[in-house]
Amino acid sequence: MNKRDIIIGLLIAVVIGMALSPFASSFPDGLEWVAEKMGFIAKGEVAPVVKSPVPDYAFPFVNEKSVWATSLSGLLGVLIVFLAAIAVGKLLIPKK
């Protein structure tokens, strides 16, 4: 894989992440739904170990219900995963 392929893949992931994020369901996921129905959701509420820079996809400078808020969250997610993958790759590939 060369740099061109990586950049093209990253651009595709950015476009998909930003374009599809606004269509994410606002309903709770399966585990959260069961926890609400069974009455033990409060037991999972603990102080976070690491504070999220964007909790619940709410940017301080963007209206929370805006399409841009979720699109920016999709972009941020793609970039974080990409940078994490690069970091892990650099650690695992032996130096020549």
C-alpha atoms as a PDB file:
ATOM      1  CA  MET A   1       0.000   0.000   0.000  1.00  0.00           C
ATOM      2  CA  ASN A   2       1.338   3.387  -0.902  1.00  0.00           C
ATOM      3  CA  LYS A   3       0.554   6.835   0.505  1.00  0.00           C
ATOM      4  CA  ARG A   4      -1.848   7.593  -2.334  1.00  0.00           C
ATOM      5  CA  ASP A   5      -4.018   4.573  -1.452  1.00  0.00           C
ATOM      6  CA  ILE A   6      -4.011   5.553   2.223  1.00  0.00           C
ATOM      7  CA  ILE A   7      -5.051   9.125   1.434  1.00  0.00           C
ATOM      8  CA  ILE A   8      -7.826   7.962  -0.909  1.00  0.00           C
ATOM      9  CA  GLY A   9      -9.082   5.523   1.734  1.00  0.00           C
ATOM     10  CA  LEU A  10      -9.003   8.241   4.387  1.00  0.00           C
ATOM     11  CA  LEU A  11     -10.941  10.633   2.147  1.00  0.00           C
ATOM     12  CA  ILE A  12     -13.568   7.972   1.440  1.00  0.00           C
ATOM     13  CA  ALA A  13     -13.893   7.254   5.174  1.00  0.00           C
ATOM     14  CA  VAL A  14     -14.226  10.992   5.931  1.00  0.00           C
ATOM     15  CA  VAL A  15     -16.954  11.431   3.313  1.00  0.00           C
ATOM     16  CA  ILE A  16     -18.853   8.369   4.551  1.00  0.00           C
ATOM     17  CA  GLY A  17     -18.419   9.371   8.209  1.00  0.00           C
ATOM     18  CA  MET A  18     -19.629  12.903   7.638  1.00  0.00           C
ATOM     19  CA  ALA A  19     -22.441  11.994   5.219  1.00  0.00           C
ATOM     20  CA  LEU A  20     -23.954   9.095   7.168  1.00  0.00           C
ATOM     21  CA  SER A  21     -23.554  10.382  10.741  1.00  0.00           C
ATOM     22  CA  PRO A  22     -26.699  12.564  10.590  1.00  0.00           C
ATOM     23  CA  PHE A  23     -28.745   9.442   9.835  1.00  0.00           C
ATOM     24  CA  ALA A  24     -27.691   7.654  13.045  1.00  0.00           C
ATOM     25  CA  SER A  25     -30.582   6.492  15.179  1.00  0.00           C
ATOM     26  CA  SER A  26     -31.522   8.637  18.146  1.00  0.00           C
ATOM     27  CA  PHE A  27     -32.956   5.588  19.915  1.00  0.00           C
ATOM     28  CA  PRO A  28     -30.840   3.870  22.584  1.00  0.00           C
ATOM     29  CA  ASP A  29     -28.813   0.832  21.578  1.00  0.00           C
ATOM     30  CA  GLY A  30     -29.927  -2.656  22.643  1.00  0.00           C
ATOM     31  CA  LEU A  31     -27.984  -2.794  25.903  1.00  0.00           C
ATOM     32  CA  GLU A  32     -29.139   0.652  26.991  1.00  0.00           C
ATOM     33  CA  TRP A  33     -32.740  -0.189  26.075  1.00  0.00           C
ATOM     34  CA  VAL A  34     -32.676  -3.391  28.165  1.00  0.00           C
ATOM     35  CA  ALA A  35     -31.052  -1.544  31.080  1.00  0.00           C
ATOM     36  CA  GLU A  36     -33.853   1.051  30.987  1.00  0.00           C
ATOM     37  CA  LYS A  37     -36.589  -1.605  30.758  1.00  0.00           C
ATOM     38  CA  MET A  38     -35.108  -3.741  33.546  1.00  0.00           C
ATOM     39  CA  GLY A  39     -34.439  -0.723  35.780  1.00  0.00           C
ATOM     40  CA  PHE A  40     -30.695  -1.020  36.276  1.00  0.00           C
ATOM     41  CA  ILE A  41     -29.477   1.770  33.992  1.00  0.00           C
ATOM     42  CA  ALA A  42     -28.522   3.935  36.979  1.00  0.00           C
ATOM     43  CA  LYS A  43     -25.980   1.314  38.085  1.00  0.00           C
ATOM     44  CA  GLY A  44     -23.989   1.996  34.917  1.00  0.00           C
ATOM     45  CA  GLU A  45     -23.807   5.724  35.567  1.00  0.00           C
ATOM     46  CA  VAL A  46     -20.311   6.332  36.922  1.00  0.00           C
ATOM     47  CA  ALA A  47     -17.804   9.121  36.583  1.00  0.00           C
ATOM     48  CA  PRO A  48     -15.812   8.685  33.360  1.00  0.00           C
ATOM     49  CA  VAL A  49     -12.187   7.637  33.604  1.00  0.00           C
ATOM     50  CA  VAL A  50     -11.317   9.939  30.707  1.00  0.00           C
ATOM     51  CA  LYS A  51     -13.457  12.975  29.963  1.00  0.00           C
ATOM     52  CA  SER A  52     -14.777  12.986  26.404  1.00  0.00           C
ATOM     53  CA  PRO A  53     -13.867  16.015  24.306  1.00  0.00           C
ATOM     54  CA  VAL A  54     -17.313  15.770  22.650  1.00  0.00           C
ATOM     55  CA  PRO A  55     -19.790  14.148  25.067  1.00  0.00           C
ATOM     56  CA  ASP A  56     -23.024  13.021  23.373  1.00  0.00           C
ATOM     57  CA  TYR A  57     -21.857  14.615  20.106  1.00  0.00           C
ATOM     58  CA  ALA A  58     -22.360  18.098  21.585  1.00  0.00           C
ATOM     59  CA  PHE A  59     -19.773  20.570  20.357  1.00  0.00           C
ATOM     60  CA  PRO A  60     -19.730  23.772  22.416  1.00  0.00           C
ATOM     61  CA  PHE A  61     -19.788  25.942  19.279  1.00  0.00           C
ATOM     62  CA  VAL A  62     -22.402  24.012  17.235  1.00  0.00           C
ATOM     63  CA  ASN A  63     -26.126  23.584  17.910  1.00  0.00           C
ATOM     64  CA  GLU A  64     -26.539  20.035  19.250  1.00  0.00           C
ATOM     65  CA  LYS A  65     -29.470  19.262  16.944  1.00  0.00           C
ATOM     66  CA  SER A  66     -27.643  20.548  13.880  1.00  0.00           C
ATOM     67  CA  VAL A  67     -26.610  18.224  11.060  1.00  0.00           C
ATOM     68  CA  TRP A  68     -23.158  19.770  11.368  1.00  0.00           C
ATOM     69  CA  ALA A  69     -22.793  18.551  14.954  1.00  0.00           C
ATOM     70  CA  THR A  70     -23.121  14.905  13.985  1.00  0.00           C
ATOM     71  CA  SER A  71     -21.118  15.390  10.793  1.00  0.00           C
ATOM     72  CA  LEU A  72     -18.275  16.937  12.774  1.00  0.00           C
ATOM     73  CA  SER A  73     -18.512  14.050  15.230  1.00  0.00           C
ATOM     74  CA  GLY A  74     -18.234  11.602  12.323  1.00  0.00           C
ATOM     75  CA  LEU A  75     -15.185  13.464  11.024  1.00  0.00           C
ATOM     76  CA  LEU A  76     -13.586  13.499  14.472  1.00  0.00           C
ATOM     77  CA  GLY A  77     -14.258   9.784  14.914  1.00  0.00           C
ATOM     78  CA  VAL A  78     -12.706   8.907  11.560  1.00  0.00           C
ATOM     79  CA  LEU A  79      -9.611  11.002  12.302  1.00  0.00           C
ATOM     80  CA  ILE A  80      -9.156   9.539  15.798  1.00  0.00           C
ATOM     81  CA  VAL A  81      -9.415   5.969  14.489  1.00  0.00           C
ATOM     82  CA  PHE A  82      -7.063   6.767  11.592  1.00  0.00           C
ATOM     83  CA  LEU A  83      -4.442   8.300  13.900  1.00  0.00           C
ATOM     84  CA  ALA A  84      -4.756   5.400  16.344  1.00  0.00           C
ATOM     85  CA  ALA A  85      -4.269   2.910  13.492  1.00  0.00           C
ATOM     86  CA  ILE A  86      -1.190   4.791  12.281  1.00  0.00           C
ATOM     87  CA  ALA A  87       0.245   4.834  15.819  1.00  0.00           C
ATOM     88  CA  VAL A  88      -0.341   1.106  16.321  1.00  0.00           C
ATOM     89  CA  GLY A  89       1.120   0.378  12.882  1.00  0.00           C
ATOM     90  CA  LYS A  90       4.254   2.374  13.702  1.00  0.00           C
ATOM     91  CA  LEU A  91       4.645   0.454  16.971  1.00  0.00           C
ATOM     92  CA  LEU A  92       4.145  -2.982  15.420  1.00  0.00           C
ATOM     93  CA  ILE A  93       6.202  -2.645  12.252  1.00  0.00           C
ATOM     94  CA  PRO A  94       9.846  -3.408  13.011  1.00  0.00           C
ATOM     95  CA  LYS A  95      12.360  -0.707  12.157  1.00  0.00           C
ATOM     96  CA  LYS A  96      14.852  -1.501   9.414  1.00  0.00           C
END
